[in-house]
Amino acid sequence: MRYQVHWVADAEAELAAIWIRAKDRDLITRTAFSIDRTLEMNPENAGESRSEDRRVLLIPPLGVTFSVSPQDRTVLVLNVWRFDPRRPSP
């Protein structure tokens, strides 16, 4: 059974801002869709766990923080950011 994925308003606004600034809007759209599909299917094992029952999922060039409610079969995407996987960390 699938989970329902909901993006909180702040995360939707962040994604919209990323998309507006992007030169590769099609990639951003495809990646957001891929994040949704991943979280629909198996959110409890997607990405990495963090504190406060949160998880982080990276599907370049986007990363999201999300929480899972197994009893309700829902996922809340709490925020999203863009990163460049080719840039080395400082």
PDB file of N, CA and C in Angstrom:
ATOM      1  N   MET A   1       0.843  -1.187   0.000  1.00  0.00           N
ATOM      2  CA  MET A   1       0.000   0.000   0.000  1.00  0.00           C
ATOM      3  C   MET A   1       0.887   1.248   0.000  1.00  0.00           C
ATOM      4  N   ARG A   2       0.514   2.203  -0.789  1.00  0.00           N
ATOM      5  CA  ARG A   2       1.294   3.428  -0.932  1.00  0.00           C
ATOM      6  C   ARG A   2       1.019   4.426   0.182  1.00  0.00           C
ATOM      7  N   TYR A   3       1.992   5.302   0.355  1.00  0.00           N
ATOM      8  CA  TYR A   3       1.858   6.426   1.275  1.00  0.00           C
ATOM      9  C   TYR A   3       1.405   7.648   0.481  1.00  0.00           C
ATOM     10  N   GLN A   4       0.701   8.539   1.143  1.00  0.00           N
ATOM     11  CA  GLN A   4       0.369   9.824   0.539  1.00  0.00           C
ATOM     12  C   GLN A   4       1.459  10.816   0.926  1.00  0.00           C
ATOM     13  N   VAL A   5       1.959  11.536  -0.058  1.00  0.00           N
ATOM     14  CA  VAL A   5       3.032  12.504   0.158  1.00  0.00           C
ATOM     15  C   VAL A   5       2.444  13.904   0.097  1.00  0.00           C
ATOM     16  N   HIS A   6       2.720  14.691   1.134  1.00  0.00           N
ATOM     17  CA  HIS A   6       2.265  16.073   1.207  1.00  0.00           C
ATOM     18  C   HIS A   6       3.472  16.972   1.429  1.00  0.00           C
ATOM     19  N   TRP A   7       3.557  18.030   0.682  1.00  0.00           N
ATOM     20  CA  TRP A   7       4.609  19.034   0.863  1.00  0.00           C
ATOM     21  C   TRP A   7       4.006  20.163   1.686  1.00  0.00           C
ATOM     22  N   VAL A   8       4.647  20.516   2.812  1.00  0.00           N
ATOM     23  CA  VAL A   8       4.168  21.655   3.591  1.00  0.00           C
ATOM     24  C   VAL A   8       4.347  22.911   2.744  1.00  0.00           C
ATOM     25  N   ALA A   9       3.623  23.960   3.095  1.00  0.00           N
ATOM     26  CA  ALA A   9       3.622  25.192   2.286  1.00  0.00           C
ATOM     27  C   ALA A   9       5.028  25.762   2.106  1.00  0.00           C
ATOM     28  N   ASP A  10       5.835  25.750   3.169  1.00  0.00           N
ATOM     29  CA  ASP A  10       7.201  26.283   3.047  1.00  0.00           C
ATOM     30  C   ASP A  10       8.029  25.475   2.050  1.00  0.00           C
ATOM     31  N   ALA A  11       7.872  24.159   2.071  1.00  0.00           N
ATOM     32  CA  ALA A  11       8.611  23.314   1.130  1.00  0.00           C
ATOM     33  C   ALA A  11       8.146  23.558  -0.305  1.00  0.00           C
ATOM     34  N   GLU A  12       6.856  23.729  -0.496  1.00  0.00           N
ATOM     35  CA  GLU A  12       6.342  24.054  -1.837  1.00  0.00           C
ATOM     36  C   GLU A  12       6.920  25.371  -2.326  1.00  0.00           C
ATOM     37  N   ALA A  13       6.990  26.352  -1.435  1.00  0.00           N
ATOM     38  CA  ALA A  13       7.548  27.663  -1.805  1.00  0.00           C
ATOM     39  C   ALA A  13       9.032  27.548  -2.129  1.00  0.00           C
ATOM     40  N   GLU A  14       9.759  26.747  -1.349  1.00  0.00           N
ATOM     41  CA  GLU A  14      11.184  26.530  -1.617  1.00  0.00           C
ATOM     42  C   GLU A  14      11.383  25.877  -2.988  1.00  0.00           C
ATOM     43  N   LEU A  15      10.567  24.854  -3.283  1.00  0.00           N
ATOM     44  CA  LEU A  15      10.673  24.177  -4.571  1.00  0.00           C
ATOM     45  C   LEU A  15      10.348  25.134  -5.715  1.00  0.00           C
ATOM     46  N   ALA A  16       9.324  25.952  -5.545  1.00  0.00           N
ATOM     47  CA  ALA A  16       8.968  26.925  -6.580  1.00  0.00           C
ATOM     48  C   ALA A  16      10.116  27.906  -6.819  1.00  0.00           C
ATOM     49  N   ALA A  17      10.752  28.368  -5.749  1.00  0.00           N
ATOM     50  CA  ALA A  17      11.878  29.300  -5.891  1.00  0.00           C
ATOM     51  C   ALA A  17      13.058  28.634  -6.596  1.00  0.00           C
ATOM     52  N   ILE A  18      13.317  27.380  -6.259  1.00  0.00           N
ATOM     53  CA  ILE A  18      14.396  26.642  -6.937  1.00  0.00           C
ATOM     54  C   ILE A  18      14.080  26.531  -8.418  1.00  0.00           C
ATOM     55  N   TRP A  19      12.844  26.171  -8.739  1.00  0.00           N
ATOM     56  CA  TRP A  19      12.443  25.980 -10.135  1.00  0.00           C
ATOM     57  C   TRP A  19      12.536  27.286 -10.922  1.00  0.00           C
ATOM     58  N   ILE A  20      12.102  28.380 -10.310  1.00  0.00           N
ATOM     59  CA  ILE A  20      12.134  29.677 -10.999  1.00  0.00           C
ATOM     60  C   ILE A  20      13.565  30.086 -11.331  1.00  0.00           C
ATOM     61  N   ARG A  21      14.505  29.828 -10.413  1.00  0.00           N
ATOM     62  CA  ARG A  21      15.912  30.202 -10.632  1.00  0.00           C
ATOM     63  C   ARG A  21      16.653  29.232 -11.542  1.00  0.00           C
ATOM     64  N   ALA A  22      16.120  28.051 -11.753  1.00  0.00           N
ATOM     65  CA  ALA A  22      16.836  26.987 -12.455  1.00  0.00           C
ATOM     66  C   ALA A  22      16.909  27.225 -13.960  1.00  0.00           C
ATOM     67  N   LYS A  23      18.067  26.913 -14.522  1.00  0.00           N
ATOM     68  CA  LYS A  23      18.214  26.889 -15.975  1.00  0.00           C
ATOM     69  C   LYS A  23      17.759  25.538 -16.517  1.00  0.00           C
ATOM     70  N   ASP A  24      17.741  24.538 -15.641  1.00  0.00           N
ATOM     71  CA  ASP A  24      17.375  23.171 -16.006  1.00  0.00           C
ATOM     72  C   ASP A  24      16.056  22.781 -15.331  1.00  0.00           C
ATOM     73  N   ARG A  25      15.015  23.533 -15.636  1.00  0.00           N
ATOM     74  CA  ARG A  25      13.716  23.342 -14.985  1.00  0.00           C
ATOM     75  C   ARG A  25      13.163  21.932 -15.188  1.00  0.00           C
ATOM     76  N   ASP A  26      13.413  21.353 -16.348  1.00  0.00           N
ATOM     77  CA  ASP A  26      12.921  20.004 -16.606  1.00  0.00           C
ATOM     78  C   ASP A  26      13.555  19.005 -15.628  1.00  0.00           C
ATOM     79  N   LEU A  27      14.831  19.165 -15.340  1.00  0.00           N
ATOM     80  CA  LEU A  27      15.512  18.297 -14.380  1.00  0.00           C
ATOM     81  C   LEU A  27      14.916  18.466 -12.985  1.00  0.00           C
ATOM     82  N   ILE A  28      14.641  19.675 -12.580  1.00  0.00           N
ATOM     83  CA  ILE A  28      14.043  19.928 -11.265  1.00  0.00           C
ATOM     84  C   ILE A  28      12.662  19.276 -11.187  1.00  0.00           C
ATOM     85  N   THR A  29      11.879  19.409 -12.231  1.00  0.00           N
ATOM     86  CA  THR A  29      10.548  18.803 -12.265  1.00  0.00           C
ATOM     87  C   THR A  29      10.643  17.285 -12.172  1.00  0.00           C
ATOM     88  N   ARG A  30      11.529  16.680 -12.954  1.00  0.00           N
ATOM     89  CA  ARG A  30      11.693  15.220 -12.931  1.00  0.00           C
ATOM     90  C   ARG A  30      12.187  14.732 -11.576  1.00  0.00           C
ATOM     91  N   THR A  31      13.094  15.481 -10.971  1.00  0.00           N
ATOM     92  CA  THR A  31      13.635  15.075  -9.677  1.00  0.00           C
ATOM     93  C   THR A  31      12.577  15.171  -8.590  1.00  0.00           C
ATOM     94  N   ALA A  32      11.790  16.228  -8.583  1.00  0.00           N
ATOM     95  CA  ALA A  32      10.703  16.353  -7.600  1.00  0.00           C
ATOM     96  C   ALA A  32       9.709  15.205  -7.760  1.00  0.00           C
ATOM     97  N   PHE A  33       9.418  14.826  -8.995  1.00  0.00           N
ATOM     98  CA  PHE A  33       8.528  13.695  -9.260  1.00  0.00           C
ATOM     99  C   PHE A  33       9.146  12.407  -8.720  1.00  0.00           C
ATOM    100  N   SER A  34      10.439  12.225  -8.931  1.00  0.00           N
ATOM    101  CA  SER A  34      11.137  11.041  -8.443  1.00  0.00           C
ATOM    102  C   SER A  34      11.127  10.977  -6.916  1.00  0.00           C
ATOM    103  N   ILE A  35      11.285  12.123  -6.270  1.00  0.00           N
ATOM    104  CA  ILE A  35      11.206  12.177  -4.808  1.00  0.00           C
ATOM    105  C   ILE A  35       9.819  11.735  -4.351  1.00  0.00           C
ATOM    106  N   ASP A  36       8.791  12.252  -4.985  1.00  0.00           N
ATOM    107  CA  ASP A  36       7.420  11.857  -4.636  1.00  0.00           C
ATOM    108  C   ASP A  36       7.230  10.348  -4.780  1.00  0.00           C
ATOM    109  N   ARG A  37       7.673   9.780  -5.895  1.00  0.00           N
ATOM    110  CA  ARG A  37       7.494   8.342  -6.136  1.00  0.00           C
ATOM    111  C   ARG A  37       8.267   7.512  -5.107  1.00  0.00           C
ATOM    112  N   THR A  38       9.469   7.927  -4.781  1.00  0.00           N
ATOM    113  CA  THR A  38      10.268   7.210  -3.790  1.00  0.00           C
ATOM    114  C   THR A  38       9.581   7.227  -2.432  1.00  0.00           C
ATOM    115  N   LEU A  39       9.061   8.386  -2.045  1.00  0.00           N
ATOM    116  CA  LEU A  39       8.419   8.507  -0.745  1.00  0.00           C
ATOM    117  C   LEU A  39       7.055   7.826  -0.701  1.00  0.00           C
ATOM    118  N   GLU A  40       6.393   7.700  -1.817  1.00  0.00           N
ATOM    119  CA  GLU A  40       5.125   6.972  -1.869  1.00  0.00           C
ATOM    120  C   GLU A  40       5.317   5.487  -1.597  1.00  0.00           C
ATOM    121  N   MET A  41       6.417   4.937  -2.080  1.00  0.00           N
ATOM    122  CA  MET A  41       6.607   3.493  -2.064  1.00  0.00           C
ATOM    123  C   MET A  41       7.209   2.959  -0.762  1.00  0.00           C
ATOM    124  N   ASN A  42       8.238   3.625  -0.227  1.00  0.00           N
ATOM    125  CA  ASN A  42       8.941   3.058   0.916  1.00  0.00           C
ATOM    126  C   ASN A  42       9.634   4.153   1.736  1.00  0.00           C
ATOM    127  N   PRO A  43       8.882   5.071   2.297  1.00  0.00           N
ATOM    128  CA  PRO A  43       9.504   6.218   2.955  1.00  0.00           C
ATOM    129  C   PRO A  43      10.291   5.867   4.218  1.00  0.00           C
ATOM    130  N   GLU A  44       9.910   4.805   4.901  1.00  0.00           N
ATOM    131  CA  GLU A  44      10.591   4.457   6.145  1.00  0.00           C
ATOM    132  C   GLU A  44      12.020   3.975   5.926  1.00  0.00           C
ATOM    133  N   ASN A  45      12.325   3.595   4.700  1.00  0.00           N
ATOM    134  CA  ASN A  45      13.675   3.148   4.369  1.00  0.00           C
ATOM    135  C   ASN A  45      14.370   4.059   3.373  1.00  0.00           C
ATOM    136  N   ALA A  46      13.713   5.132   2.978  1.00  0.00           N
ATOM    137  CA  ALA A  46      14.296   6.067   2.006  1.00  0.00           C
ATOM    138  C   ALA A  46      15.249   7.016   2.719  1.00  0.00           C
ATOM    139  N   GLY A  47      16.368   7.294   2.101  1.00  0.00           N
ATOM    140  CA  GLY A  47      17.307   8.268   2.647  1.00  0.00           C
ATOM    141  C   GLY A  47      17.963   7.807   3.929  1.00  0.00           C
ATOM    142  N   GLU A  48      18.248   8.777   4.795  1.00  0.00           N
ATOM    143  CA  GLU A  48      18.937   8.522   6.062  1.00  0.00           C
ATOM    144  C   GLU A  48      18.143   9.121   7.210  1.00  0.00           C
ATOM    145  N   SER A  49      18.202   8.465   8.363  1.00  0.00           N
ATOM    146  CA  SER A  49      17.488   8.970   9.527  1.00  0.00           C
ATOM    147  C   SER A  49      18.223  10.149  10.140  1.00  0.00           C
ATOM    148  N   ARG A  50      17.464  11.017  10.757  1.00  0.00           N
ATOM    149  CA  ARG A  50      17.969  12.186  11.471  1.00  0.00           C
ATOM    150  C   ARG A  50      17.224  12.287  12.798  1.00  0.00           C
ATOM    151  N   SER A  51      17.531  13.294  13.579  1.00  0.00           N
ATOM    152  CA  SER A  51      16.874  13.455  14.873  1.00  0.00           C
ATOM    153  C   SER A  51      15.409  13.858  14.704  1.00  0.00           C
ATOM    154  N   GLU A  52      14.664  13.734  15.791  1.00  0.00           N
ATOM    155  CA  GLU A  52      13.260  14.151  15.838  1.00  0.00           C
ATOM    156  C   GLU A  52      12.390  13.448  14.799  1.00  0.00           C
ATOM    157  N   ASP A  53      12.654  12.168  14.557  1.00  0.00           N
ATOM    158  CA  ASP A  53      11.850  11.369  13.615  1.00  0.00           C
ATOM    159  C   ASP A  53      11.835  11.944  12.208  1.00  0.00           C
ATOM    160  N   ARG A  54      12.905  12.553  11.843  1.00  0.00           N
ATOM    161  CA  ARG A  54      13.028  13.109  10.494  1.00  0.00           C
ATOM    162  C   ARG A  54      13.992  12.250   9.684  1.00  0.00           C
ATOM    163  N   ARG A  55      13.848  12.342   8.379  1.00  0.00           N
ATOM    164  CA  ARG A  55      14.745  11.646   7.460  1.00  0.00           C
ATOM    165  C   ARG A  55      15.182  12.631   6.386  1.00  0.00           C
ATOM    166  N   VAL A  56      16.301  12.340   5.737  1.00  0.00           N
ATOM    167  CA  VAL A  56      16.826  13.161   4.647  1.00  0.00           C
ATOM    168  C   VAL A  56      16.989  12.260   3.431  1.00  0.00           C
ATOM    169  N   LEU A  57      16.503  12.734   2.294  1.00  0.00           N
ATOM    170  CA  LEU A  57      16.638  12.021   1.031  1.00  0.00           C
ATOM    171  C   LEU A  57      17.326  12.934   0.032  1.00  0.00           C
ATOM    172  N   LEU A  58      18.358  12.422  -0.617  1.00  0.00           N
ATOM    173  CA  LEU A  58      19.080  13.170  -1.648  1.00  0.00           C
ATOM    174  C   LEU A  58      18.907  12.462  -2.975  1.00  0.00           C
ATOM    175  N   ILE A  59      18.298  13.148  -3.906  1.00  0.00           N
ATOM    176  CA  ILE A  59      18.231  12.704  -5.299  1.00  0.00           C
ATOM    177  C   ILE A  59      18.704  13.903  -6.103  1.00  0.00           C
ATOM    178  N   PRO A  60      19.982  13.879  -6.500  1.00  0.00           N
ATOM    179  CA  PRO A  60      20.565  15.060  -7.149  1.00  0.00           C
ATOM    180  C   PRO A  60      19.720  15.567  -8.312  1.00  0.00           C
ATOM    181  N   PRO A  61      19.543  16.878  -8.345  1.00  0.00           N
ATOM    182  CA  PRO A  61      20.194  17.917  -7.561  1.00  0.00           C
ATOM    183  C   PRO A  61      19.373  18.422  -6.371  1.00  0.00           C
ATOM    184  N   LEU A  62      18.392  17.624  -5.890  1.00  0.00           N
ATOM    185  CA  LEU A  62      17.554  18.087  -4.785  1.00  0.00           C
ATOM    186  C   LEU A  62      17.731  17.214  -3.553  1.00  0.00           C
ATOM    187  N   GLY A  63      17.577  17.847  -2.412  1.00  0.00           N
ATOM    188  CA  GLY A  63      17.523  17.141  -1.143  1.00  0.00           C
ATOM    189  C   GLY A  63      16.266  17.567  -0.416  1.00  0.00           C
ATOM    190  N   VAL A  64      15.680  16.642   0.345  1.00  0.00           N
ATOM    191  CA  VAL A  64      14.494  16.959   1.138  1.00  0.00           C
ATOM    192  C   VAL A  64      14.639  16.399   2.540  1.00  0.00           C
ATOM    193  N   THR A  65      14.033  17.096   3.490  1.00  0.00           N
ATOM    194  CA  THR A  65      13.838  16.581   4.835  1.00  0.00           C
ATOM    195  C   THR A  65      12.364  16.236   4.939  1.00  0.00           C
ATOM    196  N   PHE A  66      12.074  15.066   5.527  1.00  0.00           N
ATOM    197  CA  PHE A  66      10.686  14.632   5.605  1.00  0.00           C
ATOM    198  C   PHE A  66      10.443  13.834   6.879  1.00  0.00           C
ATOM    199  N   SER A  67       9.177  13.685   7.214  1.00  0.00           N
ATOM    200  CA  SER A  67       8.774  12.836   8.337  1.00  0.00           C
ATOM    201  C   SER A  67       7.720  11.852   7.832  1.00  0.00           C
ATOM    202  N   VAL A  68       7.673  10.708   8.493  1.00  0.00           N
ATOM    203  CA  VAL A  68       6.771   9.630   8.079  1.00  0.00           C
ATOM    204  C   VAL A  68       5.816   9.314   9.227  1.00  0.00           C
ATOM    205  N   SER A  69       4.550   9.146   8.897  1.00  0.00           N
ATOM    206  CA  SER A  69       3.546   8.698   9.858  1.00  0.00           C
ATOM    207  C   SER A  69       3.007   7.351   9.377  1.00  0.00           C
ATOM    208  N   PRO A  70       3.612   6.242   9.848  1.00  0.00           N
ATOM    209  CA  PRO A  70       3.181   4.923   9.373  1.00  0.00           C
ATOM    210  C   PRO A  70       1.711   4.627   9.660  1.00  0.00           C
ATOM    211  N   GLN A  71       1.214   5.060  10.816  1.00  0.00           N
ATOM    212  CA  GLN A  71      -0.176   4.761  11.158  1.00  0.00           C
ATOM    213  C   GLN A  71      -1.159   5.442  10.208  1.00  0.00           C
ATOM    214  N   ASP A  72      -0.800   6.632   9.703  1.00  0.00           N
ATOM    215  CA  ASP A  72      -1.655   7.350   8.751  1.00  0.00           C
ATOM    216  C   ASP A  72      -1.267   7.100   7.303  1.00  0.00           C
ATOM    217  N   ARG A  73      -0.120   6.430   7.115  1.00  0.00           N
ATOM    218  CA  ARG A  73       0.441   6.182   5.784  1.00  0.00           C
ATOM    219  C   ARG A  73       0.617   7.488   5.019  1.00  0.00           C
ATOM    220  N   THR A  74       1.193   8.483   5.722  1.00  0.00           N
ATOM    221  CA  THR A  74       1.459   9.777   5.103  1.00  0.00           C
ATOM    222  C   THR A  74       2.919  10.164   5.313  1.00  0.00           C
ATOM    223  N   VAL A  75       3.388  10.996   4.405  1.00  0.00           N
ATOM    224  CA  VAL A  75       4.735  11.562   4.458  1.00  0.00           C
ATOM    225  C   VAL A  75       4.581  13.069   4.332  1.00  0.00           C
ATOM    226  N   LEU A  76       5.290  13.803   5.179  1.00  0.00           N
ATOM    227  CA  LEU A  76       5.332  15.258   5.072  1.00  0.00           C
ATOM    228  C   LEU A  76       6.719  15.679   4.637  1.00  0.00           C
ATOM    229  N   VAL A  77       6.808  16.337   3.483  1.00  0.00           N
ATOM    230  CA  VAL A  77       8.066  16.925   3.047  1.00  0.00           C
ATOM    231  C   VAL A  77       8.143  18.288   3.718  1.00  0.00           C
ATOM    232  N   LEU A  78       9.194  18.461   4.525  1.00  0.00           N
ATOM    233  CA  LEU A  78       9.301  19.647   5.373  1.00  0.00           C
ATOM    234  C   LEU A  78      10.124  20.758   4.748  1.00  0.00           C
ATOM    235  N   ASN A  79      11.151  20.395   4.011  1.00  0.00           N
ATOM    236  CA  ASN A  79      11.911  21.403   3.267  1.00  0.00           C
ATOM    237  C   ASN A  79      12.682  20.738   2.142  1.00  0.00           C
ATOM    238  N   VAL A  80      13.105  21.586   1.207  1.00  0.00           N
ATOM    239  CA  VAL A  80      13.826  21.122   0.024  1.00  0.00           C
ATOM    240  C   VAL A  80      14.933  22.115  -0.272  1.00  0.00           C
ATOM    241  N   TRP A  81      16.031  21.596  -0.806  1.00  0.00           N
ATOM    242  CA  TRP A  81      17.136  22.465  -1.213  1.00  0.00           C
ATOM    243  C   TRP A  81      17.797  21.865  -2.436  1.00  0.00           C
ATOM    244  N   ARG A  82      18.537  22.713  -3.111  1.00  0.00           N
ATOM    245  CA  ARG A  82      19.292  22.290  -4.283  1.00  0.00           C
ATOM    246  C   ARG A  82      20.761  22.191  -3.903  1.00  0.00           C
ATOM    247  N   PHE A  83      21.430  21.162  -4.417  1.00  0.00           N
ATOM    248  CA  PHE A  83      22.862  21.024  -4.194  1.00  0.00           C
ATOM    249  C   PHE A  83      23.504  20.572  -5.496  1.00  0.00           C
ATOM    250  N   ASP A  84      24.790  20.827  -5.603  1.00  0.00           N
ATOM    251  CA  ASP A  84      25.542  20.424  -6.779  1.00  0.00           C
ATOM    252  C   ASP A  84      26.407  19.227  -6.399  1.00  0.00           C
ATOM    253  N   PRO A  85      26.049  18.031  -6.865  1.00  0.00           N
ATOM    254  CA  PRO A  85      26.797  16.836  -6.459  1.00  0.00           C
ATOM    255  C   PRO A  85      28.226  16.796  -6.991  1.00  0.00           C
ATOM    256  N   ARG A  86      28.544  17.662  -7.911  1.00  0.00           N
ATOM    257  CA  ARG A  86      29.899  17.685  -8.488  1.00  0.00           C
ATOM    258  C   ARG A  86      30.860  18.538  -7.698  1.00  0.00           C
ATOM    259  N   ARG A  87      30.348  19.413  -6.834  1.00  0.00           N
ATOM    260  CA  ARG A  87      31.212  20.317  -6.067  1.00  0.00           C
ATOM    261  C   ARG A  87      31.742  19.610  -4.840  1.00  0.00           C
ATOM    262  N   PRO A  88      33.050  19.631  -4.637  1.00  0.00           N
ATOM    263  CA  PRO A  88      33.603  19.019  -3.425  1.00  0.00           C
ATOM    264  C   PRO A  88      33.222  19.818  -2.187  1.00  0.00           C
ATOM    265  N   SER A  89      33.092  19.128  -1.080  1.00  0.00           N
ATOM    266  CA  SER A  89      32.801  19.797   0.190  1.00  0.00           C
ATOM    267  C   SER A  89      34.029  20.557   0.658  1.00  0.00           C
ATOM    268  N   PRO A  90      33.805  21.683   1.356  1.00  0.00           N
ATOM    269  CA  PRO A  90      34.961  22.473   1.850  1.00  0.00           C
ATOM    270  C   PRO A  90      35.706  21.756   2.953  1.00  0.00           C
TER     271      PRO A  90
END
